[in-house]
Amino acid sequence: ERSDDCKTVVQILEMIESTTYSQKLRNEFLNSLTPGIYRWGMTSIRIDRFLSRDVVKTDFYQMAQDRIKQELKITSETNHWDYPLILIDNEYATISDLNKYDDKQVSKFEVLKSDNSTRAIYGTNGINGVVIIETKE
């Protein structure tokens, strides 16, 4: 059970939250970050995004982007920290790294939706799905 002091602090925090739209500000800030992994303390967040329209894209990138968006239901409203884990040859990568390859260089492309098996294998990194790419040697 909470003490009166604790209840007062919770009420103040709720009032600040409702009047400052802190969640909206937090989301805007996080969505503005460049792709990468940001760590502080015991916490980390992975930010990713698709390439902008003005960037020339490989045939593989375009196909991968379309499948990822469709199969994982990613829209323009999806927060950039809710993007899938990208693995290229078992190494962490970003979505922009997919633009380094064309169809002829890729031997495997798989989009895994988040479920108990992907979370069991990839942990919290796989909570938004996993994209696995294997390249030809």
C-alpha atoms as a PDB file:
ATOM      1  CA  GLU A   1       0.000   0.000   0.000  1.00  0.00           C
ATOM      2  CA  ARG A   2       1.294   3.450  -0.865  1.00  0.00           C
ATOM      3  CA  SER A   3       1.999   6.136   1.711  1.00  0.00           C
ATOM      4  CA  ASP A   4       0.344   9.539   1.456  1.00  0.00           C
ATOM      5  CA  ASP A   5       3.637  11.061   0.214  1.00  0.00           C
ATOM      6  CA  CYS A   6       3.906   8.435  -2.496  1.00  0.00           C
ATOM      7  CA  LYS A   7       0.282   9.024  -3.550  1.00  0.00           C
ATOM      8  CA  THR A   8       0.979  12.748  -3.803  1.00  0.00           C
ATOM      9  CA  VAL A   9       4.023  12.170  -6.025  1.00  0.00           C
ATOM     10  CA  VAL A  10       2.021   9.844  -8.288  1.00  0.00           C
ATOM     11  CA  GLN A  11      -0.730  12.472  -8.577  1.00  0.00           C
ATOM     12  CA  ILE A  12       1.814  15.145  -9.494  1.00  0.00           C
ATOM     13  CA  LEU A  13       3.395  12.901 -12.129  1.00  0.00           C
ATOM     14  CA  GLU A  14      -0.020  12.105 -13.604  1.00  0.00           C
ATOM     15  CA  MET A  15      -0.830  15.825 -13.741  1.00  0.00           C
ATOM     16  CA  ILE A  16       2.476  16.596 -15.494  1.00  0.00           C
ATOM     17  CA  GLU A  17       1.884  13.751 -17.959  1.00  0.00           C
ATOM     18  CA  SER A  18      -1.606  14.955 -18.836  1.00  0.00           C
ATOM     19  CA  THR A  19      -0.659  18.615 -19.256  1.00  0.00           C
ATOM     20  CA  THR A  20       2.675  18.348 -21.073  1.00  0.00           C
ATOM     21  CA  TYR A  21       1.999  15.463 -23.460  1.00  0.00           C
ATOM     22  CA  SER A  22       5.341  13.986 -22.397  1.00  0.00           C
ATOM     23  CA  GLN A  23       4.662  10.694 -24.209  1.00  0.00           C
ATOM     24  CA  LYS A  24       4.139  12.567 -27.481  1.00  0.00           C
ATOM     25  CA  LEU A  25       7.330  14.569 -26.920  1.00  0.00           C
ATOM     26  CA  ARG A  26       9.229  11.374 -26.076  1.00  0.00           C
ATOM     27  CA  ASN A  27       7.961   9.669 -29.250  1.00  0.00           C
ATOM     28  CA  GLU A  28       8.844  12.670 -31.436  1.00  0.00           C
ATOM     29  CA  PHE A  29      12.345  12.762 -29.971  1.00  0.00           C
ATOM     30  CA  LEU A  30      12.972   9.019 -30.376  1.00  0.00           C
ATOM     31  CA  ASN A  31      11.600   9.023 -33.931  1.00  0.00           C
ATOM     32  CA  SER A  32      14.000  11.863 -34.814  1.00  0.00           C
ATOM     33  CA  LEU A  33      17.120   9.870 -33.868  1.00  0.00           C
ATOM     34  CA  THR A  34      19.341   8.444 -36.581  1.00  0.00           C
ATOM     35  CA  PRO A  35      19.309   4.650 -36.914  1.00  0.00           C
ATOM     36  CA  GLY A  36      21.438   2.820 -34.367  1.00  0.00           C
ATOM     37  CA  ILE A  37      21.475   1.344 -30.899  1.00  0.00           C
ATOM     38  CA  TYR A  38      21.268   3.772 -28.014  1.00  0.00           C
ATOM     39  CA  ARG A  39      22.263   2.562 -24.552  1.00  0.00           C
ATOM     40  CA  TRP A  40      21.927   4.160 -21.152  1.00  0.00           C
ATOM     41  CA  GLY A  41      22.387   2.267 -17.943  1.00  0.00           C
ATOM     42  CA  MET A  42      20.925  -1.213 -18.220  1.00  0.00           C
ATOM     43  CA  THR A  43      18.521  -0.112 -20.959  1.00  0.00           C
ATOM     44  CA  SER A  44      18.969   0.142 -24.698  1.00  0.00           C
ATOM     45  CA  ILE A  45      16.769   1.047 -27.638  1.00  0.00           C
ATOM     46  CA  ARG A  46      17.263   0.221 -31.315  1.00  0.00           C
ATOM     47  CA  ILE A  47      16.136   2.877 -33.821  1.00  0.00           C
ATOM     48  CA  ASP A  48      15.735   1.986 -37.491  1.00  0.00           C
ATOM     49  CA  ARG A  49      13.908   3.341 -40.528  1.00  0.00           C
ATOM     50  CA  PHE A  50      13.420   2.764 -44.228  1.00  0.00           C
ATOM     51  CA  LEU A  51      15.359   4.834 -46.743  1.00  0.00           C
ATOM     52  CA  SER A  52      13.738   8.037 -47.935  1.00  0.00           C
ATOM     53  CA  ARG A  53      12.025   8.230 -51.317  1.00  0.00           C
ATOM     54  CA  ASP A  54      14.858  10.206 -52.929  1.00  0.00           C
ATOM     55  CA  VAL A  55      17.478   7.468 -52.325  1.00  0.00           C
ATOM     56  CA  VAL A  56      18.196   5.097 -55.213  1.00  0.00           C
ATOM     57  CA  LYS A  57      17.349   1.565 -54.086  1.00  0.00           C
ATOM     58  CA  THR A  58      18.516  -1.841 -55.281  1.00  0.00           C
ATOM     59  CA  ASP A  59      16.015  -4.380 -56.576  1.00  0.00           C
ATOM     60  CA  PHE A  60      16.587  -6.466 -53.447  1.00  0.00           C
ATOM     61  CA  TYR A  61      16.033  -3.520 -51.106  1.00  0.00           C
ATOM     62  CA  GLN A  62      12.758  -2.580 -52.782  1.00  0.00           C
ATOM     63  CA  MET A  63      11.454  -6.164 -52.591  1.00  0.00           C
ATOM     64  CA  ALA A  64      12.613  -6.515 -48.963  1.00  0.00           C
ATOM     65  CA  GLN A  65      11.050  -3.205 -47.950  1.00  0.00           C
ATOM     66  CA  ASP A  66       7.715  -4.158 -49.492  1.00  0.00           C
ATOM     67  CA  ARG A  67       7.666  -7.591 -47.825  1.00  0.00           C
ATOM     68  CA  ILE A  68       8.758  -6.279 -44.418  1.00  0.00           C
ATOM     69  CA  LYS A  69       6.092  -3.576 -44.463  1.00  0.00           C
ATOM     70  CA  GLN A  70       3.399  -5.990 -45.596  1.00  0.00           C
ATOM     71  CA  GLU A  71       4.228  -9.001 -43.423  1.00  0.00           C
ATOM     72  CA  LEU A  72       4.993  -7.027 -40.245  1.00  0.00           C
ATOM     73  CA  LYS A  73       2.308  -4.389 -40.874  1.00  0.00           C
ATOM     74  CA  ILE A  74       4.668  -1.420 -40.724  1.00  0.00           C
ATOM     75  CA  THR A  75       3.099   1.891 -41.694  1.00  0.00           C
ATOM     76  CA  SER A  76       4.117   5.533 -41.566  1.00  0.00           C
ATOM     77  CA  GLU A  77       2.617   5.591 -38.053  1.00  0.00           C
ATOM     78  CA  THR A  78       4.941   2.840 -36.756  1.00  0.00           C
ATOM     79  CA  ASN A  79       7.501   4.146 -34.280  1.00  0.00           C
ATOM     80  CA  HIS A  80      11.102   3.688 -35.383  1.00  0.00           C
ATOM     81  CA  TRP A  81      11.915   1.617 -32.308  1.00  0.00           C
ATOM     82  CA  ASP A  82       9.150  -0.842 -33.252  1.00  0.00           C
ATOM     83  CA  TYR A  83      10.960  -1.995 -36.393  1.00  0.00           C
ATOM     84  CA  PRO A  84      12.175  -5.585 -36.749  1.00  0.00           C
ATOM     85  CA  LEU A  85      15.585  -6.940 -35.895  1.00  0.00           C
ATOM     86  CA  ILE A  86      17.687  -7.210 -39.070  1.00  0.00           C
ATOM     87  CA  LEU A  87      20.336  -9.946 -39.310  1.00  0.00           C
ATOM     88  CA  ILE A  88      22.642 -10.212 -42.319  1.00  0.00           C
ATOM     89  CA  ASP A  89      24.845 -13.294 -42.198  1.00  0.00           C
ATOM     90  CA  ASN A  90      24.050 -13.559 -38.460  1.00  0.00           C
ATOM     91  CA  GLU A  91      25.273 -10.005 -37.744  1.00  0.00           C
ATOM     92  CA  TYR A  92      23.120  -7.130 -36.500  1.00  0.00           C
ATOM     93  CA  ALA A  93      22.312  -4.699 -39.303  1.00  0.00           C
ATOM     94  CA  THR A  94      19.972  -1.847 -40.143  1.00  0.00           C
ATOM     95  CA  ILE A  95      17.324  -1.664 -42.817  1.00  0.00           C
ATOM     96  CA  SER A  96      19.555   0.666 -44.864  1.00  0.00           C
ATOM     97  CA  ASP A  97      22.166  -2.128 -45.005  1.00  0.00           C
ATOM     98  CA  LEU A  98      19.757  -4.068 -47.228  1.00  0.00           C
ATOM     99  CA  ASN A  99      20.486  -1.527 -49.960  1.00  0.00           C
ATOM    100  CA  LYS A 100      24.050  -2.883 -50.245  1.00  0.00           C
ATOM    101  CA  TYR A 101      22.793  -6.035 -51.952  1.00  0.00           C
ATOM    102  CA  ASP A 102      20.994  -6.962 -55.136  1.00  0.00           C
ATOM    103  CA  ASP A 103      18.924 -10.094 -55.784  1.00  0.00           C
ATOM    104  CA  LYS A 104      21.906 -12.031 -57.144  1.00  0.00           C
ATOM    105  CA  GLN A 105      23.898 -11.639 -53.905  1.00  0.00           C
ATOM    106  CA  VAL A 106      21.212 -12.957 -51.553  1.00  0.00           C
ATOM    107  CA  SER A 107      20.686 -16.686 -51.001  1.00  0.00           C
ATOM    108  CA  LYS A 108      18.067 -16.435 -48.245  1.00  0.00           C
ATOM    109  CA  PHE A 109      15.548 -13.798 -47.235  1.00  0.00           C
ATOM    110  CA  GLU A 110      13.075 -14.531 -44.467  1.00  0.00           C
ATOM    111  CA  VAL A 111      10.659 -12.367 -42.484  1.00  0.00           C
ATOM    112  CA  LEU A 112       9.657 -13.844 -39.122  1.00  0.00           C
ATOM    113  CA  LYS A 113       6.673 -12.409 -37.298  1.00  0.00           C
ATOM    114  CA  SER A 114       6.937 -11.959 -33.566  1.00  0.00           C
ATOM    115  CA  ASP A 115       5.683 -15.005 -31.732  1.00  0.00           C
ATOM    116  CA  ASN A 116       6.794 -17.213 -28.866  1.00  0.00           C
ATOM    117  CA  SER A 117       9.423 -19.011 -30.959  1.00  0.00           C
ATOM    118  CA  THR A 118      11.090 -15.837 -32.282  1.00  0.00           C
ATOM    119  CA  ARG A 119      11.079 -14.316 -28.811  1.00  0.00           C
ATOM    120  CA  ALA A 120      12.555 -17.539 -27.388  1.00  0.00           C
ATOM    121  CA  ILE A 121      15.399 -17.435 -29.922  1.00  0.00           C
ATOM    122  CA  TYR A 122      16.032 -13.678 -30.220  1.00  0.00           C
ATOM    123  CA  GLY A 123      14.734 -12.423 -26.866  1.00  0.00           C
ATOM    124  CA  THR A 124      13.452  -8.875 -26.642  1.00  0.00           C
ATOM    125  CA  ASN A 125      15.395  -8.025 -29.824  1.00  0.00           C
ATOM    126  CA  GLY A 126      12.864 -10.101 -31.773  1.00  0.00           C
ATOM    127  CA  ILE A 127       9.745  -8.640 -30.197  1.00  0.00           C
ATOM    128  CA  ASN A 128       8.895  -6.720 -33.405  1.00  0.00           C
ATOM    129  CA  GLY A 129       9.842  -9.520 -35.783  1.00  0.00           C
ATOM    130  CA  VAL A 130      13.108 -10.637 -37.320  1.00  0.00           C
ATOM    131  CA  VAL A 131      14.439 -10.308 -40.864  1.00  0.00           C
ATOM    132  CA  ILE A 132      17.092 -12.871 -41.770  1.00  0.00           C
ATOM    133  CA  ILE A 133      19.302 -12.432 -44.814  1.00  0.00           C
ATOM    134  CA  GLU A 134      22.069 -14.767 -45.923  1.00  0.00           C
ATOM    135  CA  THR A 135      24.353 -13.679 -48.713  1.00  0.00           C
ATOM    136  CA  LYS A 136      26.167 -15.825 -51.248  1.00  0.00           C
ATOM    137  CA  GLU A 137      29.868 -16.177 -50.632  1.00  0.00           C
END
